[in-house]
Amino acid sequence: MKTTLLEGKKPAHFDKHIIGNLLLNVATPDEVRQEKMLIGVRNEAGDIYRLIGATKLNSFMNAVEELFDLGLVDELQDTEATQDGCDAIFSEP
């Protein structure tokens, strides 16, 4: 899986846990957006500051599970639609 921090957005206080729990390769925003499935992560200000891109459904589901384990919630859990190009958007409850 690939990840990138979005320019001008402050990482959330829990970001170090995401990096510690998921095996992520740092890439450019364009490279991450080319992945098949995208996960967005919001900071305390409500901005999406990190994108995580997954090529395979298995990788995507593993990432989603890890983010749930960190106590985050998926805003798009009950919808089939994407938002801001993301298949899932995680934030603190």
N, C-alpha and C. Protein backbone atom coordinates (compact mmCIF):
# COMPACT_ATOMS: atom_id res chain seq x y z
N MET A 1 0.84 -1.18 0.00
CA MET A 1 0.00 0.00 0.00
C MET A 1 0.88 1.24 0.00
N LYS A 2 0.36 2.28 -0.60
CA LYS A 2 1.08 3.54 -0.69
C LYS A 2 0.36 4.59 0.14
N THR A 3 1.12 5.56 0.63
CA THR A 3 0.52 6.65 1.39
C THR A 3 1.22 7.96 1.09
N THR A 4 0.50 9.05 1.35
CA THR A 4 1.08 10.38 1.20
C THR A 4 0.40 11.32 2.18
N LEU A 5 1.15 12.31 2.62
CA LEU A 5 0.58 13.41 3.40
C LEU A 5 0.22 14.50 2.41
N LEU A 6 -0.93 15.12 2.59
CA LEU A 6 -1.35 16.18 1.69
C LEU A 6 -0.77 17.51 2.16
N GLU A 7 -0.21 18.24 1.21
CA GLU A 7 0.48 19.48 1.49
C GLU A 7 -0.43 20.49 2.17
N GLY A 8 0.09 21.14 3.21
CA GLY A 8 -0.64 22.20 3.89
C GLY A 8 -1.64 21.70 4.93
N LYS A 9 -1.72 20.39 5.13
CA LYS A 9 -2.66 19.83 6.10
C LYS A 9 -1.88 19.28 7.29
N LYS A 10 -2.35 19.58 8.49
CA LYS A 10 -1.66 19.14 9.70
C LYS A 10 -2.02 17.69 10.02
N PRO A 11 -1.02 16.82 10.21
CA PRO A 11 -1.31 15.43 10.60
C PRO A 11 -2.04 15.37 11.94
N ALA A 12 -2.90 14.40 12.10
CA ALA A 12 -3.65 14.20 13.35
C ALA A 12 -2.70 13.69 14.43
N HIS A 13 -3.09 13.89 15.67
CA HIS A 13 -2.25 13.46 16.79
C HIS A 13 -2.05 11.95 16.80
N PHE A 14 -2.96 11.20 16.19
CA PHE A 14 -2.85 9.73 16.18
C PHE A 14 -2.10 9.21 14.95
N ASP A 15 -1.54 10.11 14.14
CA ASP A 15 -0.91 9.68 12.88
C ASP A 15 0.23 8.69 13.10
N LYS A 16 1.01 8.87 14.16
CA LYS A 16 2.14 7.96 14.41
C LYS A 16 1.65 6.52 14.61
N HIS A 17 0.44 6.35 15.11
CA HIS A 17 -0.12 5.00 15.29
C HIS A 17 -0.47 4.37 13.94
N ILE A 18 -0.92 5.19 13.00
CA ILE A 18 -1.21 4.68 11.65
C ILE A 18 0.08 4.19 11.01
N ILE A 19 1.12 4.99 11.11
CA ILE A 19 2.41 4.63 10.53
C ILE A 19 2.97 3.39 11.22
N GLY A 20 2.77 3.29 12.53
CA GLY A 20 3.29 2.16 13.28
C GLY A 20 2.55 0.86 13.03
N ASN A 21 1.26 0.93 12.70
CA ASN A 21 0.43 -0.28 12.58
C ASN A 21 0.24 -0.78 11.15
N LEU A 22 0.47 0.08 10.16
CA LEU A 22 0.25 -0.31 8.77
C LEU A 22 1.57 -0.30 8.01
N LEU A 23 1.74 -1.28 7.14
CA LEU A 23 2.93 -1.30 6.29
C LEU A 23 2.65 -0.43 5.07
N LEU A 24 3.21 0.76 5.08
CA LEU A 24 2.92 1.73 4.03
C LEU A 24 4.21 2.20 3.37
N ASN A 25 4.15 2.36 2.06
CA ASN A 25 5.26 2.94 1.30
C ASN A 25 4.91 4.38 0.96
N VAL A 26 5.81 5.29 1.29
CA VAL A 26 5.57 6.71 1.00
C VAL A 26 5.68 6.93 -0.50
N ALA A 27 4.71 7.68 -1.04
CA ALA A 27 4.67 7.97 -2.48
C ALA A 27 4.14 9.39 -2.67
N THR A 28 4.12 9.84 -3.92
CA THR A 28 3.58 11.16 -4.21
C THR A 28 2.04 11.08 -4.19
N PRO A 29 1.38 12.22 -4.00
CA PRO A 29 -0.09 12.20 -4.03
C PRO A 29 -0.63 11.61 -5.34
N ASP A 30 0.00 11.92 -6.46
CA ASP A 30 -0.46 11.38 -7.75
C ASP A 30 -0.35 9.86 -7.80
N GLU A 31 0.77 9.33 -7.29
CA GLU A 31 0.96 7.87 -7.28
C GLU A 31 -0.09 7.19 -6.40
N VAL A 32 -0.38 7.79 -5.26
CA VAL A 32 -1.37 7.19 -4.35
C VAL A 32 -2.76 7.22 -5.00
N ARG A 33 -3.09 8.34 -5.64
CA ARG A 33 -4.42 8.46 -6.26
C ARG A 33 -4.62 7.48 -7.43
N GLN A 34 -3.54 6.93 -7.97
CA GLN A 34 -3.64 5.96 -9.06
C GLN A 34 -3.99 4.56 -8.56
N GLU A 35 -3.92 4.34 -7.25
CA GLU A 35 -4.25 3.03 -6.68
C GLU A 35 -5.75 2.77 -6.85
N LYS A 36 -6.12 1.50 -6.83
CA LYS A 36 -7.50 1.10 -7.10
C LYS A 36 -8.49 1.60 -6.04
N MET A 37 -8.08 1.53 -4.77
CA MET A 37 -8.95 1.95 -3.66
C MET A 37 -8.21 2.96 -2.79
N LEU A 38 -8.94 3.98 -2.35
CA LEU A 38 -8.34 5.05 -1.55
C LEU A 38 -9.01 5.18 -0.19
N ILE A 39 -8.17 5.39 0.82
CA ILE A 39 -8.65 5.68 2.16
C ILE A 39 -8.14 7.07 2.51
N GLY A 40 -9.04 7.90 2.99
CA GLY A 40 -8.66 9.22 3.48
C GLY A 40 -8.67 9.21 5.00
N VAL A 41 -7.80 10.02 5.61
CA VAL A 41 -7.78 10.15 7.07
C VAL A 41 -7.90 11.63 7.41
N ARG A 42 -8.85 11.95 8.30
CA ARG A 42 -9.08 13.34 8.69
C ARG A 42 -8.33 13.69 9.97
N ASN A 43 -7.91 14.95 10.05
CA ASN A 43 -7.29 15.46 11.28
C ASN A 43 -8.36 16.10 12.16
N GLU A 44 -7.93 16.68 13.26
CA GLU A 44 -8.87 17.29 14.22
C GLU A 44 -9.65 18.45 13.62
N ALA A 45 -9.08 19.10 12.60
CA ALA A 45 -9.76 20.23 11.95
C ALA A 45 -10.79 19.76 10.92
N GLY A 46 -10.84 18.45 10.68
CA GLY A 46 -11.80 17.91 9.72
C GLY A 46 -11.26 17.83 8.30
N ASP A 47 -9.97 18.13 8.13
CA ASP A 47 -9.35 18.07 6.80
C ASP A 47 -8.79 16.68 6.55
N ILE A 48 -8.93 16.18 5.31
CA ILE A 48 -8.24 14.95 4.94
C ILE A 48 -6.78 15.32 4.75
N TYR A 49 -5.92 14.74 5.58
CA TYR A 49 -4.49 15.09 5.55
C TYR A 49 -3.63 13.95 5.02
N ARG A 50 -4.14 12.71 5.03
CA ARG A 50 -3.38 11.56 4.58
C ARG A 50 -4.25 10.72 3.65
N LEU A 51 -3.64 10.25 2.56
CA LEU A 51 -4.29 9.30 1.67
C LEU A 51 -3.52 7.99 1.73
N ILE A 52 -4.28 6.90 1.75
CA ILE A 52 -3.69 5.57 1.70
C ILE A 52 -4.31 4.87 0.49
N GLY A 53 -3.46 4.37 -0.39
CA GLY A 53 -3.94 3.71 -1.59
C GLY A 53 -3.64 2.22 -1.55
N ALA A 54 -4.64 1.42 -1.94
CA ALA A 54 -4.48 -0.04 -1.97
C ALA A 54 -4.82 -0.56 -3.35
N THR A 55 -4.04 -1.51 -3.84
CA THR A 55 -4.29 -2.13 -5.14
C THR A 55 -5.27 -3.29 -5.00
N LYS A 56 -5.14 -4.05 -3.92
CA LYS A 56 -5.96 -5.25 -3.74
C LYS A 56 -6.98 -5.05 -2.63
N LEU A 57 -8.14 -5.67 -2.78
CA LEU A 57 -9.20 -5.58 -1.78
C LEU A 57 -8.71 -6.09 -0.43
N ASN A 58 -7.91 -7.15 -0.45
CA ASN A 58 -7.38 -7.72 0.79
C ASN A 58 -6.57 -6.68 1.56
N SER A 59 -5.70 -5.95 0.87
CA SER A 59 -4.89 -4.90 1.51
C SER A 59 -5.78 -3.79 2.04
N PHE A 60 -6.77 -3.41 1.25
CA PHE A 60 -7.72 -2.36 1.65
C PHE A 60 -8.43 -2.78 2.94
N MET A 61 -8.94 -4.01 2.98
CA MET A 61 -9.69 -4.49 4.15
C MET A 61 -8.78 -4.58 5.38
N ASN A 62 -7.52 -5.00 5.19
CA ASN A 62 -6.58 -5.04 6.31
C ASN A 62 -6.34 -3.65 6.87
N ALA A 63 -6.20 -2.67 6.00
CA ALA A 63 -5.99 -1.28 6.44
C ALA A 63 -7.21 -0.78 7.19
N VAL A 64 -8.39 -1.05 6.65
CA VAL A 64 -9.65 -0.63 7.30
C VAL A 64 -9.74 -1.23 8.70
N GLU A 65 -9.42 -2.52 8.82
CA GLU A 65 -9.48 -3.20 10.11
C GLU A 65 -8.51 -2.57 11.11
N GLU A 66 -7.29 -2.27 10.66
CA GLU A 66 -6.30 -1.64 11.54
C GLU A 66 -6.78 -0.26 12.00
N LEU A 67 -7.39 0.50 11.10
CA LEU A 67 -7.88 1.84 11.47
C LEU A 67 -9.03 1.75 12.46
N PHE A 68 -9.91 0.77 12.29
CA PHE A 68 -10.98 0.53 13.28
C PHE A 68 -10.36 0.18 14.63
N ASP A 69 -9.31 -0.67 14.61
CA ASP A 69 -8.65 -1.08 15.85
C ASP A 69 -8.03 0.11 16.59
N LEU A 70 -7.68 1.16 15.86
CA LEU A 70 -7.14 2.38 16.48
C LEU A 70 -8.25 3.26 17.07
N GLY A 71 -9.50 2.81 16.93
CA GLY A 71 -10.62 3.57 17.49
C GLY A 71 -11.20 4.60 16.54
N LEU A 72 -10.78 4.56 15.28
CA LEU A 72 -11.30 5.51 14.29
C LEU A 72 -12.59 4.97 13.67
N VAL A 73 -13.39 5.86 13.12
CA VAL A 73 -14.64 5.47 12.47
C VAL A 73 -14.59 5.82 10.99
N ASP A 74 -15.26 5.00 10.18
CA ASP A 74 -15.34 5.22 8.74
C ASP A 74 -16.62 5.97 8.44
N GLU A 75 -16.49 7.21 7.99
CA GLU A 75 -17.67 8.04 7.68
C GLU A 75 -18.50 7.46 6.55
N LEU A 76 -17.88 6.64 5.69
CA LEU A 76 -18.58 6.12 4.52
C LEU A 76 -19.01 4.66 4.71
N GLN A 77 -18.97 4.17 5.94
CA GLN A 77 -19.25 2.77 6.22
C GLN A 77 -20.64 2.34 5.73
N ASP A 78 -21.62 3.21 5.86
CA ASP A 78 -22.99 2.84 5.52
C ASP A 78 -23.44 3.30 4.14
N THR A 79 -22.47 3.62 3.28
CA THR A 79 -22.81 4.06 1.94
C THR A 79 -21.93 3.36 0.92
N GLU A 80 -22.45 3.21 -0.27
CA GLU A 80 -21.67 2.62 -1.36
C GLU A 80 -20.91 3.69 -2.14
N ALA A 81 -21.27 4.94 -1.92
CA ALA A 81 -20.71 6.04 -2.69
C ALA A 81 -19.31 6.40 -2.20
N THR A 82 -18.52 6.97 -3.11
CA THR A 82 -17.23 7.52 -2.71
C THR A 82 -17.42 8.99 -2.38
N GLN A 83 -16.47 9.54 -1.64
CA GLN A 83 -16.50 10.96 -1.32
C GLN A 83 -15.09 11.50 -1.44
N ASP A 84 -14.93 12.62 -2.11
CA ASP A 84 -13.61 13.20 -2.35
C ASP A 84 -12.66 12.17 -2.97
N GLY A 85 -13.21 11.24 -3.76
CA GLY A 85 -12.41 10.21 -4.42
C GLY A 85 -12.02 9.05 -3.52
N CYS A 86 -12.48 9.06 -2.27
CA CYS A 86 -12.10 8.03 -1.29
C CYS A 86 -13.20 6.99 -1.13
N ASP A 87 -12.76 5.73 -0.97
CA ASP A 87 -13.70 4.63 -0.71
C ASP A 87 -14.01 4.51 0.78
N ALA A 88 -13.15 5.06 1.62
CA ALA A 88 -13.36 5.12 3.05
C ALA A 88 -12.69 6.38 3.56
N ILE A 89 -13.29 7.02 4.57
CA ILE A 89 -12.69 8.21 5.20
C ILE A 89 -12.76 7.99 6.71
N PHE A 90 -11.59 7.94 7.32
CA PHE A 90 -11.53 7.67 8.75
C PHE A 90 -11.23 8.94 9.54
N SER A 91 -11.87 9.01 10.71
CA SER A 91 -11.65 10.13 11.62
C SER A 91 -11.97 9.66 13.03
N GLU A 92 -11.66 10.51 14.00
CA GLU A 92 -12.00 10.17 15.38
C GLU A 92 -13.50 10.32 15.56
N PRO A 93 -14.09 9.49 16.41
CA PRO A 93 -15.55 9.59 16.65
C PRO A 93 -15.92 10.92 17.28
